[in-house]
Amino acid sequence: MARQALDIPNGMRKVCQDFERWRSSHTGRRPIPEPLWAAATELAKEHGVFRTAQILRLDYSQLKRRVGSAGPPVRRAAAPAAFLELVAPPTTGLSECLVELEGPRGKMRIQWKGTAAPDLAGLGRALWGPA
């Protein structure tokens, strides 16, 4: 099936031509060369696995597996909270509190009993700040 140039995004045209050139130069079934797979994997990260597999005429499952094994997807980091206020209700006598934090370096659970609350912001910065 011939692909119209209008169906193919600009970033994919060269790789699509490379695949077509490789396919036309071979008869029978041969494994796709690694440089072509690498180019397809990069395109799939940008344009999506389904669309890339469809345009380049690749096996969706195999391309998806290669994209997954190429490393974790690039995630945009959420802006860290500039301010977090913890307000405890007024209590009489001994108070008890449990705080659980989860971040890129692991999980932390803080539990205390007493009348004075520890400096959670300072503790969090000390444990979770830049190494």
N, C-alpha and C. Protein backbone atom coordinates (compact mmCIF):
# COMPACT_ATOMS: atom_id res chain seq x y z
N MET A 1 0.85 -1.16 0.00
CA MET A 1 0.00 0.00 0.00
C MET A 1 0.90 1.23 0.00
N ALA A 2 0.71 2.12 -0.96
CA ALA A 2 1.53 3.32 -1.07
C ALA A 2 1.02 4.36 -0.08
N ARG A 3 1.94 5.04 0.54
CA ARG A 3 1.60 6.08 1.51
C ARG A 3 1.64 7.42 0.80
N GLN A 4 0.63 8.22 1.03
CA GLN A 4 0.66 9.57 0.49
C GLN A 4 1.52 10.43 1.40
N ALA A 5 2.23 11.38 0.80
CA ALA A 5 3.12 12.24 1.58
C ALA A 5 2.35 13.06 2.61
N LEU A 6 1.07 13.31 2.37
CA LEU A 6 0.29 14.13 3.29
C LEU A 6 -0.04 13.37 4.58
N ASP A 7 -0.07 12.03 4.53
CA ASP A 7 -0.41 11.22 5.71
C ASP A 7 0.74 11.14 6.70
N ILE A 8 1.96 11.39 6.25
CA ILE A 8 3.15 11.17 7.07
C ILE A 8 3.63 12.49 7.65
N PRO A 9 3.76 12.56 8.98
CA PRO A 9 4.30 13.79 9.59
C PRO A 9 5.72 14.07 9.09
N ASN A 10 6.08 15.34 9.07
CA ASN A 10 7.40 15.74 8.56
C ASN A 10 8.54 15.00 9.23
N GLY A 11 8.48 14.83 10.54
CA GLY A 11 9.56 14.17 11.27
C GLY A 11 9.71 12.70 10.92
N MET A 12 8.70 12.09 10.31
CA MET A 12 8.73 10.67 10.00
C MET A 12 9.10 10.36 8.57
N ARG A 13 9.10 11.35 7.71
CA ARG A 13 9.27 11.08 6.28
C ARG A 13 10.60 10.41 5.96
N LYS A 14 11.69 10.89 6.50
CA LYS A 14 13.00 10.31 6.18
C LYS A 14 13.07 8.86 6.64
N VAL A 15 12.61 8.60 7.86
CA VAL A 15 12.66 7.23 8.38
C VAL A 15 11.74 6.33 7.57
N CYS A 16 10.60 6.85 7.17
CA CYS A 16 9.67 6.07 6.34
C CYS A 16 10.34 5.72 5.00
N GLN A 17 11.03 6.69 4.41
CA GLN A 17 11.75 6.43 3.16
C GLN A 17 12.86 5.41 3.38
N ASP A 18 13.56 5.49 4.51
CA ASP A 18 14.61 4.51 4.82
C ASP A 18 14.03 3.10 4.91
N PHE A 19 12.87 2.97 5.58
CA PHE A 19 12.23 1.66 5.68
C PHE A 19 11.81 1.15 4.30
N GLU A 20 11.24 2.01 3.48
CA GLU A 20 10.80 1.60 2.14
C GLU A 20 12.00 1.19 1.29
N ARG A 21 13.10 1.95 1.39
CA ARG A 21 14.32 1.62 0.64
C ARG A 21 14.86 0.27 1.09
N TRP A 22 14.88 0.02 2.42
CA TRP A 22 15.38 -1.25 2.93
C TRP A 22 14.48 -2.40 2.47
N ARG A 23 13.17 -2.20 2.54
CA ARG A 23 12.24 -3.27 2.14
C ARG A 23 12.38 -3.60 0.65
N SER A 24 12.56 -2.59 -0.17
CA SER A 24 12.65 -2.82 -1.62
C SER A 24 13.97 -3.47 -2.02
N SER A 25 14.98 -3.37 -1.17
CA SER A 25 16.28 -3.94 -1.50
C SER A 25 16.42 -5.40 -1.09
N HIS A 26 15.42 -5.95 -0.42
CA HIS A 26 15.48 -7.33 0.07
C HIS A 26 14.30 -8.13 -0.45
N THR A 27 14.55 -9.41 -0.66
CA THR A 27 13.46 -10.33 -0.98
C THR A 27 13.34 -11.30 0.18
N GLY A 28 12.16 -11.74 0.47
CA GLY A 28 11.95 -12.66 1.57
C GLY A 28 11.93 -11.93 2.91
N ARG A 29 11.89 -12.71 3.96
CA ARG A 29 11.82 -12.14 5.31
C ARG A 29 13.21 -12.05 5.91
N ARG A 30 13.56 -10.86 6.34
CA ARG A 30 14.83 -10.63 7.02
C ARG A 30 14.57 -9.74 8.22
N PRO A 31 15.39 -9.88 9.25
CA PRO A 31 15.20 -9.00 10.41
C PRO A 31 15.50 -7.55 10.05
N ILE A 32 14.73 -6.67 10.64
CA ILE A 32 14.94 -5.23 10.42
C ILE A 32 16.23 -4.84 11.13
N PRO A 33 17.10 -4.09 10.46
CA PRO A 33 18.37 -3.68 11.08
C PRO A 33 18.13 -2.81 12.31
N GLU A 34 19.04 -2.91 13.27
CA GLU A 34 18.92 -2.17 14.53
C GLU A 34 18.85 -0.65 14.33
N PRO A 35 19.62 -0.06 13.40
CA PRO A 35 19.50 1.39 13.23
C PRO A 35 18.09 1.83 12.83
N LEU A 36 17.41 1.01 12.02
CA LEU A 36 16.02 1.33 11.65
C LEU A 36 15.10 1.19 12.86
N TRP A 37 15.31 0.14 13.66
CA TRP A 37 14.50 -0.02 14.87
C TRP A 37 14.72 1.15 15.82
N ALA A 38 15.96 1.58 15.96
CA ALA A 38 16.27 2.70 16.86
C ALA A 38 15.56 3.97 16.39
N ALA A 39 15.56 4.21 15.09
CA ALA A 39 14.88 5.39 14.55
C ALA A 39 13.37 5.29 14.78
N ALA A 40 12.81 4.10 14.58
CA ALA A 40 11.37 3.91 14.80
C ALA A 40 11.02 4.09 16.27
N THR A 41 11.88 3.63 17.16
CA THR A 41 11.64 3.77 18.60
C THR A 41 11.60 5.24 19.00
N GLU A 42 12.53 6.03 18.48
CA GLU A 42 12.54 7.46 18.78
C GLU A 42 11.28 8.14 18.25
N LEU A 43 10.87 7.77 17.04
CA LEU A 43 9.64 8.36 16.48
C LEU A 43 8.42 7.98 17.31
N ALA A 44 8.39 6.73 17.79
CA ALA A 44 7.25 6.27 18.58
C ALA A 44 7.14 7.04 19.89
N LYS A 45 8.27 7.44 20.45
CA LYS A 45 8.23 8.23 21.68
C LYS A 45 7.61 9.60 21.43
N GLU A 46 7.81 10.11 20.23
CA GLU A 46 7.28 11.45 19.90
C GLU A 46 5.87 11.40 19.33
N HIS A 47 5.60 10.45 18.44
CA HIS A 47 4.32 10.42 17.73
C HIS A 47 3.36 9.34 18.21
N GLY A 48 3.81 8.48 19.12
CA GLY A 48 2.97 7.39 19.61
C GLY A 48 3.28 6.09 18.90
N VAL A 49 3.13 5.00 19.63
CA VAL A 49 3.48 3.68 19.10
C VAL A 49 2.53 3.27 17.98
N PHE A 50 1.23 3.45 18.18
CA PHE A 50 0.26 3.00 17.17
C PHE A 50 0.47 3.71 15.84
N ARG A 51 0.56 5.03 15.90
CA ARG A 51 0.70 5.80 14.67
C ARG A 51 2.01 5.48 13.96
N THR A 52 3.09 5.36 14.72
CA THR A 52 4.39 5.04 14.13
C THR A 52 4.37 3.65 13.49
N ALA A 53 3.82 2.67 14.19
CA ALA A 53 3.74 1.31 13.65
C ALA A 53 2.89 1.28 12.39
N GLN A 54 1.83 2.03 12.38
CA GLN A 54 0.94 2.06 11.22
C GLN A 54 1.64 2.68 10.01
N ILE A 55 2.28 3.82 10.19
CA ILE A 55 2.92 4.51 9.07
C ILE A 55 4.13 3.75 8.56
N LEU A 56 4.94 3.22 9.48
CA LEU A 56 6.16 2.51 9.08
C LEU A 56 5.91 1.04 8.76
N ARG A 57 4.67 0.59 8.93
CA ARG A 57 4.27 -0.80 8.68
C ARG A 57 5.10 -1.77 9.52
N LEU A 58 5.06 -1.54 10.84
CA LEU A 58 5.77 -2.38 11.79
C LEU A 58 4.78 -3.11 12.68
N ASP A 59 5.24 -4.17 13.31
CA ASP A 59 4.43 -4.90 14.27
C ASP A 59 4.28 -4.03 15.53
N TYR A 60 3.03 -3.72 15.87
CA TYR A 60 2.75 -2.84 17.01
C TYR A 60 3.35 -3.38 18.31
N SER A 61 3.16 -4.67 18.57
CA SER A 61 3.63 -5.26 19.83
C SER A 61 5.14 -5.20 19.95
N GLN A 62 5.84 -5.47 18.85
CA GLN A 62 7.29 -5.45 18.91
C GLN A 62 7.81 -4.03 19.10
N LEU A 63 7.18 -3.06 18.42
CA LEU A 63 7.60 -1.66 18.59
C LEU A 63 7.31 -1.19 20.00
N LYS A 64 6.17 -1.56 20.54
CA LYS A 64 5.81 -1.16 21.91
C LYS A 64 6.81 -1.74 22.91
N ARG A 65 7.20 -2.99 22.71
CA ARG A 65 8.16 -3.63 23.61
C ARG A 65 9.51 -2.91 23.53
N ARG A 66 9.93 -2.54 22.33
CA ARG A 66 11.20 -1.83 22.17
C ARG A 66 11.15 -0.44 22.80
N VAL A 67 10.03 0.23 22.66
CA VAL A 67 9.89 1.56 23.28
C VAL A 67 9.94 1.43 24.79
N GLY A 68 9.28 0.40 25.33
CA GLY A 68 9.27 0.18 26.77
C GLY A 68 10.64 -0.18 27.32
N SER A 69 11.44 -0.91 26.54
CA SER A 69 12.76 -1.32 27.02
C SER A 69 13.82 -0.26 26.75
N ALA A 70 13.45 0.80 26.05
CA ALA A 70 14.42 1.85 25.74
C ALA A 70 14.66 2.77 26.92
N GLY A 71 13.95 2.55 28.00
CA GLY A 71 14.12 3.41 29.17
C GLY A 71 12.79 4.02 29.57
N PRO A 72 12.76 4.60 30.71
CA PRO A 72 11.51 5.19 31.17
C PRO A 72 11.10 6.36 30.29
N PRO A 73 9.80 6.56 30.15
CA PRO A 73 9.36 7.69 29.36
C PRO A 73 9.76 8.99 30.01
N VAL A 74 9.96 9.99 29.19
CA VAL A 74 10.32 11.30 29.71
C VAL A 74 9.08 11.92 30.33
N ARG A 75 9.17 12.22 31.60
CA ARG A 75 8.03 12.82 32.30
C ARG A 75 8.37 14.23 32.68
N ARG A 76 7.39 15.06 32.53
CA ARG A 76 7.58 16.43 32.97
C ARG A 76 7.37 16.48 34.47
N ALA A 77 8.35 16.99 35.16
CA ALA A 77 8.27 17.06 36.62
C ALA A 77 7.27 18.12 37.03
N ALA A 78 6.44 17.77 37.96
CA ALA A 78 5.49 18.73 38.50
C ALA A 78 6.27 19.74 39.35
N ALA A 79 5.80 20.94 39.31
CA ALA A 79 6.46 21.98 40.11
C ALA A 79 6.33 21.62 41.58
N PRO A 80 7.43 21.65 42.33
CA PRO A 80 7.34 21.32 43.75
C PRO A 80 6.52 22.39 44.48
N ALA A 81 5.88 21.94 45.52
CA ALA A 81 5.07 22.86 46.31
C ALA A 81 5.98 23.90 46.95
N ALA A 82 5.61 25.15 46.81
CA ALA A 82 6.41 26.21 47.41
C ALA A 82 6.07 26.37 48.88
N PHE A 83 4.84 25.99 49.23
CA PHE A 83 4.42 26.16 50.61
C PHE A 83 3.39 25.08 50.94
N LEU A 84 3.54 24.46 52.06
CA LEU A 84 2.59 23.46 52.53
C LEU A 84 2.33 23.73 54.00
N GLU A 85 1.10 24.04 54.32
CA GLU A 85 0.75 24.38 55.70
C GLU A 85 0.06 23.18 56.35
N LEU A 86 0.55 22.78 57.50
CA LEU A 86 -0.06 21.72 58.28
C LEU A 86 -0.65 22.37 59.53
N VAL A 87 -1.96 22.33 59.62
CA VAL A 87 -2.63 22.96 60.74
C VAL A 87 -3.24 21.86 61.61
N ALA A 88 -2.83 21.83 62.84
CA ALA A 88 -3.37 20.85 63.77
C ALA A 88 -4.47 21.51 64.60
N PRO A 89 -5.53 20.78 64.88
CA PRO A 89 -6.57 21.35 65.72
C PRO A 89 -6.05 21.53 67.15
N PRO A 90 -6.54 22.53 67.82
CA PRO A 90 -6.09 22.71 69.22
C PRO A 90 -6.49 21.50 70.06
N THR A 91 -5.55 21.02 70.83
CA THR A 91 -5.82 19.86 71.67
C THR A 91 -5.35 20.15 73.09
N THR A 92 -5.85 19.38 73.97
CA THR A 92 -5.40 19.46 75.36
C THR A 92 -4.72 18.15 75.68
N GLY A 93 -3.68 18.20 76.42
CA GLY A 93 -2.98 16.97 76.80
C GLY A 93 -2.03 16.54 75.70
N LEU A 94 -1.77 15.25 75.62
CA LEU A 94 -0.83 14.70 74.66
C LEU A 94 -1.49 14.56 73.29
N SER A 95 -0.76 14.90 72.25
CA SER A 95 -1.27 14.72 70.89
C SER A 95 -0.48 13.62 70.19
N GLU A 96 -1.08 13.05 69.17
CA GLU A 96 -0.44 12.00 68.40
C GLU A 96 -0.67 12.31 66.93
N CYS A 97 0.38 12.11 66.12
CA CYS A 97 0.27 12.42 64.70
C CYS A 97 1.07 11.40 63.89
N LEU A 98 0.59 11.12 62.68
CA LEU A 98 1.26 10.21 61.75
C LEU A 98 1.29 10.89 60.39
N VAL A 99 2.48 11.03 59.81
CA VAL A 99 2.65 11.63 58.49
C VAL A 99 3.41 10.64 57.62
N GLU A 100 2.89 10.38 56.42
CA GLU A 100 3.57 9.50 55.47
C GLU A 100 3.91 10.32 54.23
N LEU A 101 5.17 10.27 53.81
CA LEU A 101 5.64 10.99 52.64
C LEU A 101 6.18 9.99 51.64
N GLU A 102 5.97 10.28 50.35
CA GLU A 102 6.50 9.42 49.30
C GLU A 102 7.12 10.32 48.25
N GLY A 103 8.32 10.01 47.83
CA GLY A 103 9.02 10.81 46.84
C GLY A 103 9.91 9.96 45.99
N PRO A 104 10.73 10.59 45.14
CA PRO A 104 11.56 9.85 44.19
C PRO A 104 12.61 8.96 44.85
N ARG A 105 12.98 9.25 46.08
CA ARG A 105 14.00 8.44 46.75
C ARG A 105 13.42 7.43 47.74
N GLY A 106 12.11 7.32 47.80
CA GLY A 106 11.51 6.32 48.68
C GLY A 106 10.36 6.87 49.50
N LYS A 107 10.03 6.13 50.54
CA LYS A 107 8.91 6.49 51.41
C LYS A 107 9.44 6.79 52.81
N MET A 108 8.71 7.65 53.50
CA MET A 108 9.10 7.99 54.86
C MET A 108 7.82 8.08 55.70
N ARG A 109 7.88 7.53 56.89
CA ARG A 109 6.74 7.57 57.81
C ARG A 109 7.21 8.18 59.12
N ILE A 110 6.52 9.23 59.56
CA ILE A 110 6.88 9.92 60.80
C ILE A 110 5.69 9.81 61.75
N GLN A 111 5.95 9.33 62.94
CA GLN A 111 4.91 9.22 63.95
C GLN A 111 5.46 9.79 65.26
N TRP A 112 4.68 10.64 65.91
CA TRP A 112 5.13 11.18 67.18
C TRP A 112 3.96 11.34 68.13
N LYS A 113 4.32 11.30 69.40
CA LYS A 113 3.35 11.52 70.47
C LYS A 113 3.96 12.57 71.39
N GLY A 114 3.19 13.50 71.79
CA GLY A 114 3.72 14.52 72.69
C GLY A 114 2.98 15.83 72.51
N THR A 115 3.45 16.83 73.19
CA THR A 115 2.78 18.12 73.14
C THR A 115 3.37 19.03 72.07
N ALA A 116 4.63 18.88 71.72
CA ALA A 116 5.25 19.76 70.74
C ALA A 116 5.45 19.00 69.43
N ALA A 117 5.06 19.63 68.34
CA ALA A 117 5.22 19.01 67.02
C ALA A 117 6.63 19.29 66.50
N PRO A 118 7.26 18.31 65.87
CA PRO A 118 8.60 18.54 65.32
C PRO A 118 8.53 19.45 64.09
N ASP A 119 9.67 19.94 63.68
CA ASP A 119 9.75 20.79 62.50
C ASP A 119 9.70 19.88 61.26
N LEU A 120 8.49 19.62 60.74
CA LEU A 120 8.34 18.70 59.60
C LEU A 120 8.96 19.25 58.33
N ALA A 121 8.83 20.56 58.12
CA ALA A 121 9.40 21.14 56.90
C ALA A 121 10.92 20.96 56.89
N GLY A 122 11.57 21.26 58.00
CA GLY A 122 13.02 21.09 58.08
C GLY A 122 13.42 19.64 57.94
N LEU A 123 12.70 18.75 58.57
CA LEU A 123 12.99 17.33 58.47
C LEU A 123 12.83 16.84 57.04
N GLY A 124 11.75 17.27 56.38
CA GLY A 124 11.53 16.88 54.99
C GLY A 124 12.63 17.37 54.07
N ARG A 125 13.06 18.61 54.26
CA ARG A 125 14.15 19.15 53.44
C ARG A 125 15.45 18.39 53.69
N ALA A 126 15.71 18.06 54.93
CA ALA A 126 16.95 17.34 55.26
C ALA A 126 16.98 15.95 54.65
N LEU A 127 15.85 15.27 54.66
CA LEU A 127 15.80 13.89 54.18
C LEU A 127 15.55 13.81 52.69
N TRP A 128 14.82 14.74 52.10
CA TRP A 128 14.39 14.63 50.73
C TRP A 128 15.01 15.68 49.81
N GLY A 129 15.80 16.57 50.38
CA GLY A 129 16.42 17.60 49.57
C GLY A 129 17.48 17.03 48.67
N PRO A 130 18.13 17.89 47.90
CA PRO A 130 19.18 17.41 46.99
C PRO A 130 20.29 16.71 47.75
N ALA A 131 20.76 15.65 47.14
CA ALA A 131 21.81 14.84 47.78
C ALA A 131 23.16 15.52 47.71
